[in-house]
């Protein structure tokens, strides 16, 4: 059932990330850099991997967040002022 937890978390996180990104204007910008949510999710996954955290719902959730941001057109981490 670990795969089921992963899959359900992936779908829920993807849908939630899509809803939040489409309906809010929250941006993390500093010193000319724009930190996208998929970058934050990937960094969190790297930390979880390093710490050997194996919770399927956490991995599925972070994967869903990262995947939601990847197909978007604006990939630039440089913030144009």
Protein backbone atom coordinates (compact mmCIF):
# COMPACT_ATOMS: atom_id res chain seq x y z
CA UNK A 1 0.00 0.00 0.00
CA UNK A 2 3.00 2.31 0.05
CA UNK A 3 2.57 2.82 -3.68
CA UNK A 4 -1.07 3.78 -3.13
CA UNK A 5 -0.06 6.38 -0.50
CA UNK A 6 2.57 7.77 -2.86
CA UNK A 7 0.16 7.96 -5.79
CA UNK A 8 -2.66 9.58 -3.83
CA UNK A 9 -0.28 12.12 -2.29
CA UNK A 10 1.17 12.92 -5.73
CA UNK A 11 -2.27 13.61 -7.20
CA UNK A 12 -3.44 15.64 -4.20
CA UNK A 13 -0.27 17.74 -4.07
CA UNK A 14 -0.27 18.35 -7.82
CA UNK A 15 -3.89 19.54 -7.73
CA UNK A 16 -3.28 21.68 -4.63
CA UNK A 17 -0.13 23.23 -6.10
CA UNK A 18 -2.00 24.00 -9.34
CA UNK A 19 -4.86 25.61 -7.43
CA UNK A 20 -2.53 27.71 -5.25
CA UNK A 21 -0.31 28.85 -8.12
CA UNK A 22 -3.30 29.79 -10.28
CA UNK A 23 -5.19 31.64 -7.54
CA UNK A 24 -2.50 33.44 -5.56
CA UNK A 25 0.32 35.78 -6.37
CA UNK A 26 2.81 34.54 -3.78
CA UNK A 27 6.37 34.76 -5.10
CA UNK A 28 9.68 34.14 -3.40
CA UNK A 29 12.06 36.67 -4.90
CA UNK A 30 15.29 38.08 -3.53
CA UNK A 31 18.46 39.65 -4.90
CA UNK A 32 17.36 39.19 -8.50
CA UNK A 33 16.49 35.49 -8.09
CA UNK A 34 13.07 33.92 -8.35
CA UNK A 35 12.74 30.68 -6.37
CA UNK A 36 10.00 28.54 -7.92
CA UNK A 37 7.98 25.99 -5.96
CA UNK A 38 9.40 23.10 -7.96
CA UNK A 39 12.92 24.14 -6.90
CA UNK A 40 11.87 24.19 -3.25
CA UNK A 41 10.26 20.76 -3.64
CA UNK A 42 13.40 19.36 -5.27
CA UNK A 43 15.57 20.76 -2.47
CA UNK A 44 13.26 19.23 0.12
CA UNK A 45 13.53 15.88 -1.67
CA UNK A 46 17.32 16.12 -1.66
CA UNK A 47 17.28 16.71 2.10
CA UNK A 48 14.87 13.80 2.60
CA UNK A 49 17.09 11.57 0.51
CA UNK A 50 20.16 12.57 2.52
CA UNK A 51 18.32 11.93 5.79
CA UNK A 52 16.93 8.63 4.40
CA UNK A 53 13.32 9.61 5.05
CA UNK A 54 11.15 7.04 3.28
CA UNK A 55 7.58 8.20 3.91
CA UNK A 56 5.68 7.54 0.66
CA UNK A 57 3.14 10.32 1.23
CA UNK A 58 5.93 12.89 1.69
CA UNK A 59 7.73 11.74 -1.46
CA UNK A 60 4.47 11.68 -3.41
CA UNK A 61 3.49 15.12 -2.19
CA UNK A 62 6.82 16.70 -3.04
CA UNK A 63 6.88 14.94 -6.41
CA UNK A 64 3.42 16.30 -7.19
CA UNK A 65 4.51 19.83 -6.28
CA UNK A 66 7.65 19.57 -8.40
CA UNK A 67 5.83 18.06 -11.38
CA UNK A 68 3.18 20.79 -11.32
CA UNK A 69 5.84 23.46 -11.83
CA UNK A 70 7.96 21.75 -14.45
CA UNK A 71 5.68 22.12 -17.52
CA UNK A 72 5.22 25.86 -16.98
CA UNK A 73 6.67 28.33 -19.49
CA UNK A 74 8.53 30.56 -17.03
CA UNK A 75 11.56 28.55 -15.91
CA UNK A 76 13.87 31.47 -15.36
CA UNK A 77 15.29 31.88 -11.88
CA UNK A 78 16.46 35.38 -12.80
CA UNK A 79 13.85 37.93 -11.76
CA UNK A 80 13.53 40.69 -14.33
CA UNK A 81 12.86 43.96 -12.52
